[in-house]
Amino acid sequence: MVVLSKIYTRTGDAGDTALGNGARVAKHSMRVTAYGTVDETNATVGMARLHADAEMDAQLSRIQNDLFDLGADLCRPDMEKDAEAEYPPLRMADSQVARLEAEIDAMNEALEPLRSFVLPGGSALSAHLHLCRTVSRRAERLTVELATMESVNPAAVKYLNRLSDWFFVASRIANDDGRADVLWVPGANR
């Protein structure tokens, strides 16, 4: 368990930070940028939860916990050295991806097929979930970019890819099962 008795340490005052394996890197490194954007996604989920009913809140709570797992995974490079680690690093698992897929499928059953693109909006919860979707997509892009340079757990990338889909389907649920979706009308304002 993590114990934080002192919040500031001054160790990052020169612009670097420690990764999960103790290595120090620049705060603007791609790895820090990727897991920092996962943290930003988590903050947007916290805002969405303010508008959620009990069922959606429970789902969003599980996602927030997963996002901390994902941050822990991304802050620990060198997956090939996991067996040598003093303690087993926390890595995303395919079961977390499968849970998102099952929840997406269950939510999607209540929805009519889309006949147009959806504009972010409608209910407050839907608007917040669209923000979650776009921030999680950015986290995914950054994680995919990181994976071109360093090792990244494939389950982490899959999770982020499914997560943005989860937020999209949930945003439709939050709009009266899609009946209150705000649809794009191509060229409407020409």
C-alpha atoms as a PDB file:
ATOM      1  CA  MET A   1       0.000   0.000   0.000  1.00  0.00           C
ATOM      2  CA  VAL A   2       1.188   3.505  -0.769  1.00  0.00           C
ATOM      3  CA  VAL A   3       1.780   5.832   2.186  1.00  0.00           C
ATOM      4  CA  LEU A   4       2.039   9.534   1.392  1.00  0.00           C
ATOM      5  CA  SER A   5       2.965  11.507   4.458  1.00  0.00           C
ATOM      6  CA  LYS A   6       4.620  14.369   2.596  1.00  0.00           C
ATOM      7  CA  ILE A   7       3.154  15.586  -0.675  1.00  0.00           C
ATOM      8  CA  TYR A   8       6.006  17.700  -2.001  1.00  0.00           C
ATOM      9  CA  THR A   9       9.497  16.252  -2.243  1.00  0.00           C
ATOM     10  CA  ARG A  10      11.346  18.845  -4.335  1.00  0.00           C
ATOM     11  CA  THR A  11      12.905  15.972  -6.322  1.00  0.00           C
ATOM     12  CA  GLY A  12      11.233  17.168  -9.520  1.00  0.00           C
ATOM     13  CA  ASP A  13      12.257  20.799  -9.250  1.00  0.00           C
ATOM     14  CA  ALA A  14      14.806  20.383 -12.055  1.00  0.00           C
ATOM     15  CA  GLY A  15      12.162  19.083 -14.457  1.00  0.00           C
ATOM     16  CA  ASP A  16      12.560  15.342 -14.057  1.00  0.00           C
ATOM     17  CA  THR A  17      10.539  12.668 -12.297  1.00  0.00           C
ATOM     18  CA  ALA A  18      10.901   9.071 -11.124  1.00  0.00           C
ATOM     19  CA  LEU A  19       9.295   6.208 -12.986  1.00  0.00           C
ATOM     20  CA  GLY A  20       7.957   3.104 -11.267  1.00  0.00           C
ATOM     21  CA  ASN A  21      11.315   1.355 -11.603  1.00  0.00           C
ATOM     22  CA  GLY A  22      13.178   4.267  -9.998  1.00  0.00           C
ATOM     23  CA  ALA A  23      14.681   5.607 -13.232  1.00  0.00           C
ATOM     24  CA  ARG A  24      14.522   9.378 -13.612  1.00  0.00           C
ATOM     25  CA  VAL A  25      13.250  10.915 -16.846  1.00  0.00           C
ATOM     26  CA  ALA A  26      12.258  14.360 -18.069  1.00  0.00           C
ATOM     27  CA  LYS A  27       8.729  15.338 -17.110  1.00  0.00           C
ATOM     28  CA  HIS A  28       8.053  15.945 -20.804  1.00  0.00           C
ATOM     29  CA  SER A  29       9.094  12.409 -21.829  1.00  0.00           C
ATOM     30  CA  MET A  30       6.595  10.493 -23.923  1.00  0.00           C
ATOM     31  CA  ARG A  31       6.036   7.948 -21.139  1.00  0.00           C
ATOM     32  CA  VAL A  32       5.187  10.647 -18.588  1.00  0.00           C
ATOM     33  CA  THR A  33       3.011  12.419 -21.154  1.00  0.00           C
ATOM     34  CA  ALA A  34       1.103   9.181 -21.824  1.00  0.00           C
ATOM     35  CA  TYR A  35       0.408   8.288 -18.195  1.00  0.00           C
ATOM     36  CA  GLY A  36      -0.244  11.941 -17.373  1.00  0.00           C
ATOM     37  CA  THR A  37      -2.986  11.960 -19.993  1.00  0.00           C
ATOM     38  CA  VAL A  38      -4.406   8.769 -18.471  1.00  0.00           C
ATOM     39  CA  ASP A  39      -4.535  10.701 -15.180  1.00  0.00           C
ATOM     40  CA  GLU A  40      -6.297  13.562 -16.978  1.00  0.00           C
ATOM     41  CA  THR A  41      -8.822  11.049 -18.321  1.00  0.00           C
ATOM     42  CA  ASN A  42      -9.415   9.885 -14.760  1.00  0.00           C
ATOM     43  CA  ALA A  43     -10.125  13.462 -13.658  1.00  0.00           C
ATOM     44  CA  THR A  44     -12.725  13.864 -16.412  1.00  0.00           C
ATOM     45  CA  VAL A  45     -14.368  10.637 -15.239  1.00  0.00           C
ATOM     46  CA  GLY A  46     -14.597  12.143 -11.760  1.00  0.00           C
ATOM     47  CA  MET A  47     -16.505  15.076 -13.229  1.00  0.00           C
ATOM     48  CA  ALA A  48     -18.860  12.770 -15.133  1.00  0.00           C
ATOM     49  CA  ARG A  49     -19.628  10.833 -11.950  1.00  0.00           C
ATOM     50  CA  LEU A  50     -21.206  13.972 -10.481  1.00  0.00           C
ATOM     51  CA  HIS A  51     -24.082  13.485 -12.950  1.00  0.00           C
ATOM     52  CA  ALA A  52     -24.376   9.678 -12.975  1.00  0.00           C
ATOM     53  CA  ASP A  53     -27.064   7.464 -11.487  1.00  0.00           C
ATOM     54  CA  ALA A  54     -25.990   4.654  -9.135  1.00  0.00           C
ATOM     55  CA  GLU A  55     -25.430   2.046 -11.861  1.00  0.00           C
ATOM     56  CA  MET A  56     -23.396   4.332 -14.123  1.00  0.00           C
ATOM     57  CA  ASP A  57     -21.500   5.669 -11.098  1.00  0.00           C
ATOM     58  CA  ALA A  58     -20.461   2.131 -10.138  1.00  0.00           C
ATOM     59  CA  GLN A  59     -19.228   1.487 -13.680  1.00  0.00           C
ATOM     60  CA  LEU A  60     -17.329   4.783 -13.745  1.00  0.00           C
ATOM     61  CA  SER A  61     -15.813   3.987 -10.352  1.00  0.00           C
ATOM     62  CA  ARG A  62     -14.435   0.705 -11.741  1.00  0.00           C
ATOM     63  CA  ILE A  63     -13.032   2.608 -14.725  1.00  0.00           C
ATOM     64  CA  GLN A  64     -11.318   5.103 -12.427  1.00  0.00           C
ATOM     65  CA  ASN A  65      -9.642   2.250 -10.577  1.00  0.00           C
ATOM     66  CA  ASP A  66      -8.609   0.686 -13.902  1.00  0.00           C
ATOM     67  CA  LEU A  67      -7.121   4.015 -14.967  1.00  0.00           C
ATOM     68  CA  PHE A  68      -4.910   4.021 -11.868  1.00  0.00           C
ATOM     69  CA  ASP A  69      -3.859   0.468 -12.799  1.00  0.00           C
ATOM     70  CA  LEU A  70      -3.116   1.723 -16.303  1.00  0.00           C
ATOM     71  CA  GLY A  71      -1.037   4.619 -14.972  1.00  0.00           C
ATOM     72  CA  ALA A  72       0.927   2.184 -12.800  1.00  0.00           C
ATOM     73  CA  ASP A  73       1.498  -0.031 -15.838  1.00  0.00           C
ATOM     74  CA  LEU A  74       2.669   2.839 -18.045  1.00  0.00           C
ATOM     75  CA  CYS A  75       4.980   4.341 -15.420  1.00  0.00           C
ATOM     76  CA  ARG A  76       6.893   1.049 -15.252  1.00  0.00           C
ATOM     77  CA  PRO A  77       9.005   0.566 -18.415  1.00  0.00           C
ATOM     78  CA  ASP A  78      10.975  -2.535 -19.360  1.00  0.00           C
ATOM     79  CA  MET A  79       8.211  -5.140 -19.315  1.00  0.00           C
ATOM     80  CA  GLU A  80      10.822  -7.705 -20.296  1.00  0.00           C
ATOM     81  CA  LYS A  81      12.415  -7.197 -16.846  1.00  0.00           C
ATOM     82  CA  ASP A  82       9.200  -7.779 -14.866  1.00  0.00           C
ATOM     83  CA  ALA A  83      10.439 -11.159 -13.591  1.00  0.00           C
ATOM     84  CA  GLU A  84      13.526  -9.481 -12.115  1.00  0.00           C
ATOM     85  CA  ALA A  85      11.569  -6.798 -10.257  1.00  0.00           C
ATOM     86  CA  GLU A  86      11.625  -6.671  -6.471  1.00  0.00           C
ATOM     87  CA  TYR A  87       7.810  -6.935  -6.526  1.00  0.00           C
ATOM     88  CA  PRO A  88       5.576  -7.845  -9.468  1.00  0.00           C
ATOM     89  CA  PRO A  89       4.670  -4.704 -11.448  1.00  0.00           C
ATOM     90  CA  LEU A  90       0.971  -4.019 -11.907  1.00  0.00           C
ATOM     91  CA  ARG A  91       0.024  -4.613 -15.542  1.00  0.00           C
ATOM     92  CA  MET A  92      -3.292  -4.221 -17.320  1.00  0.00           C
ATOM     93  CA  ALA A  93      -4.974  -7.548 -18.035  1.00  0.00           C
ATOM     94  CA  ASP A  94      -7.084  -8.727 -20.948  1.00  0.00           C
ATOM     95  CA  SER A  95      -9.885  -9.392 -18.430  1.00  0.00           C
ATOM     96  CA  GLN A  96     -10.196  -5.621 -17.915  1.00  0.00           C
ATOM     97  CA  VAL A  97     -10.606  -5.177 -21.674  1.00  0.00           C
ATOM     98  CA  ALA A  98     -13.166  -8.005 -21.758  1.00  0.00           C
ATOM     99  CA  ARG A  99     -15.187  -6.351 -18.982  1.00  0.00           C
ATOM    100  CA  LEU A 100     -15.394  -3.119 -20.993  1.00  0.00           C
ATOM    101  CA  GLU A 101     -16.483  -5.073 -24.065  1.00  0.00           C
ATOM    102  CA  ALA A 102     -19.222  -6.861 -22.100  1.00  0.00           C
ATOM    103  CA  GLU A 103     -20.467  -3.554 -20.677  1.00  0.00           C
ATOM    104  CA  ILE A 104     -20.430  -1.928 -24.129  1.00  0.00           C
ATOM    105  CA  ASP A 105     -22.437  -4.834 -25.566  1.00  0.00           C
ATOM    106  CA  ALA A 106     -24.970  -4.682 -22.716  1.00  0.00           C
ATOM    107  CA  MET A 107     -25.437  -0.902 -23.044  1.00  0.00           C
ATOM    108  CA  ASN A 108     -25.614  -1.064 -26.831  1.00  0.00           C
ATOM    109  CA  GLU A 109     -28.575  -3.472 -26.720  1.00  0.00           C
ATOM    110  CA  ALA A 110     -30.826  -0.603 -25.561  1.00  0.00           C
ATOM    111  CA  LEU A 111     -29.809   1.663 -28.441  1.00  0.00           C
ATOM    112  CA  GLU A 112     -31.162   2.078 -31.938  1.00  0.00           C
ATOM    113  CA  PRO A 113     -28.485   2.031 -34.659  1.00  0.00           C
ATOM    114  CA  LEU A 114     -27.068   5.443 -35.492  1.00  0.00           C
ATOM    115  CA  ARG A 115     -28.027   7.074 -38.787  1.00  0.00           C
ATOM    116  CA  SER A 116     -25.814  10.139 -38.277  1.00  0.00           C
ATOM    117  CA  PHE A 117     -22.808  11.192 -36.245  1.00  0.00           C
ATOM    118  CA  VAL A 118     -23.544  12.374 -32.711  1.00  0.00           C
ATOM    119  CA  LEU A 119     -22.516  15.840 -31.557  1.00  0.00           C
ATOM    120  CA  PRO A 120     -21.227  16.033 -27.989  1.00  0.00           C
ATOM    121  CA  GLY A 121     -24.045  17.270 -25.789  1.00  0.00           C
ATOM    122  CA  GLY A 122     -27.557  16.541 -24.710  1.00  0.00           C
ATOM    123  CA  SER A 123     -27.591  15.813 -20.992  1.00  0.00           C
ATOM    124  CA  ALA A 124     -24.871  17.013 -18.628  1.00  0.00           C
ATOM    125  CA  LEU A 125     -23.711  13.422 -18.126  1.00  0.00           C
ATOM    126  CA  SER A 126     -23.550  12.803 -21.868  1.00  0.00           C
ATOM    127  CA  ALA A 127     -21.510  15.966 -22.443  1.00  0.00           C
ATOM    128  CA  HIS A 128     -19.059  14.946 -19.708  1.00  0.00           C
ATOM    129  CA  LEU A 129     -18.788  11.419 -21.116  1.00  0.00           C
ATOM    130  CA  HIS A 130     -17.928  12.884 -24.528  1.00  0.00           C
ATOM    131  CA  LEU A 131     -15.133  14.834 -22.846  1.00  0.00           C
ATOM    132  CA  CYS A 132     -13.968  11.579 -21.240  1.00  0.00           C
ATOM    133  CA  ARG A 133     -14.061   9.976 -24.700  1.00  0.00           C
ATOM    134  CA  THR A 134     -11.917  12.624 -26.355  1.00  0.00           C
ATOM    135  CA  VAL A 135      -9.349  12.775 -23.559  1.00  0.00           C
ATOM    136  CA  SER A 136      -9.096   8.966 -23.496  1.00  0.00           C
ATOM    137  CA  ARG A 137      -8.558   9.010 -27.273  1.00  0.00           C
ATOM    138  CA  ARG A 138      -5.655  11.419 -26.758  1.00  0.00           C
ATOM    139  CA  ALA A 139      -4.253   9.100 -24.075  1.00  0.00           C
ATOM    140  CA  GLU A 140      -4.547   6.241 -26.553  1.00  0.00           C
ATOM    141  CA  ARG A 141      -2.739   8.166 -29.316  1.00  0.00           C
ATOM    142  CA  LEU A 142       0.086   9.060 -26.943  1.00  0.00           C
ATOM    143  CA  THR A 143       0.357   5.498 -25.655  1.00  0.00           C
ATOM    144  CA  VAL A 144       0.473   4.154 -29.208  1.00  0.00           C
ATOM    145  CA  GLU A 145       3.208   6.689 -30.003  1.00  0.00           C
ATOM    146  CA  LEU A 146       5.110   5.593 -26.879  1.00  0.00           C
ATOM    147  CA  ALA A 147       4.829   1.988 -28.080  1.00  0.00           C
ATOM    148  CA  THR A 148       6.759   2.916 -31.234  1.00  0.00           C
ATOM    149  CA  MET A 149       9.698   3.946 -29.029  1.00  0.00           C
ATOM    150  CA  GLU A 150       9.559   1.706 -25.955  1.00  0.00           C
ATOM    151  CA  SER A 151       7.852  -1.448 -24.760  1.00  0.00           C
ATOM    152  CA  VAL A 152       4.210  -1.013 -23.780  1.00  0.00           C
ATOM    153  CA  ASN A 153       1.807  -3.661 -22.524  1.00  0.00           C
ATOM    154  CA  PRO A 154      -0.521  -4.489 -25.467  1.00  0.00           C
ATOM    155  CA  ALA A 155      -3.451  -4.802 -23.020  1.00  0.00           C
ATOM    156  CA  ALA A 156      -2.930  -1.145 -22.073  1.00  0.00           C
ATOM    157  CA  VAL A 157      -3.441  -0.030 -25.674  1.00  0.00           C
ATOM    158  CA  LYS A 158      -6.470  -2.318 -26.095  1.00  0.00           C
ATOM    159  CA  TYR A 159      -7.992  -0.981 -22.879  1.00  0.00           C
ATOM    160  CA  LEU A 160      -7.701   2.639 -24.027  1.00  0.00           C
ATOM    161  CA  ASN A 161      -9.168   1.757 -27.413  1.00  0.00           C
ATOM    162  CA  ARG A 162     -12.207   0.074 -25.831  1.00  0.00           C
ATOM    163  CA  LEU A 163     -12.530   2.779 -23.186  1.00  0.00           C
ATOM    164  CA  SER A 164     -13.287   5.536 -25.675  1.00  0.00           C
ATOM    165  CA  ASP A 165     -15.908   3.263 -27.255  1.00  0.00           C
ATOM    166  CA  TRP A 166     -17.361   2.652 -23.774  1.00  0.00           C
ATOM    167  CA  PHE A 167     -17.630   6.397 -23.164  1.00  0.00           C
ATOM    168  CA  PHE A 168     -19.358   6.893 -26.529  1.00  0.00           C
ATOM    169  CA  VAL A 169     -21.986   4.223 -25.912  1.00  0.00           C
ATOM    170  CA  ALA A 170     -22.468   5.411 -22.310  1.00  0.00           C
ATOM    171  CA  SER A 171     -22.984   8.979 -23.586  1.00  0.00           C
ATOM    172  CA  ARG A 172     -25.862   7.698 -25.701  1.00  0.00           C
ATOM    173  CA  ILE A 173     -27.344   5.862 -22.703  1.00  0.00           C
ATOM    174  CA  ALA A 174     -27.102   9.156 -20.794  1.00  0.00           C
ATOM    175  CA  ASN A 175     -29.159  10.800 -23.550  1.00  0.00           C
ATOM    176  CA  ASP A 176     -32.320   8.786 -22.866  1.00  0.00           C
ATOM    177  CA  ASP A 177     -30.931   5.673 -24.569  1.00  0.00           C
ATOM    178  CA  GLY A 178     -29.994   7.733 -27.620  1.00  0.00           C
ATOM    179  CA  ARG A 179     -33.421   9.317 -28.093  1.00  0.00           C
ATOM    180  CA  ALA A 180     -32.039  12.699 -26.953  1.00  0.00           C
ATOM    181  CA  ASP A 181     -28.764  12.468 -28.907  1.00  0.00           C
ATOM    182  CA  VAL A 182     -27.778  15.651 -30.696  1.00  0.00           C
ATOM    183  CA  LEU A 183     -27.230  14.553 -34.288  1.00  0.00           C
ATOM    184  CA  TRP A 184     -24.938  16.144 -36.836  1.00  0.00           C
ATOM    185  CA  VAL A 185     -26.747  17.587 -39.836  1.00  0.00           C
ATOM    186  CA  PRO A 186     -24.167  17.890 -42.622  1.00  0.00           C
ATOM    187  CA  GLY A 187     -24.121  21.367 -44.172  1.00  0.00           C
ATOM    188  CA  ALA A 188     -26.993  22.597 -41.981  1.00  0.00           C
ATOM    189  CA  ASN A 189     -25.569  26.096 -41.618  1.00  0.00           C
ATOM    190  CA  ARG A 190     -24.415  26.814 -45.174  1.00  0.00           C
END
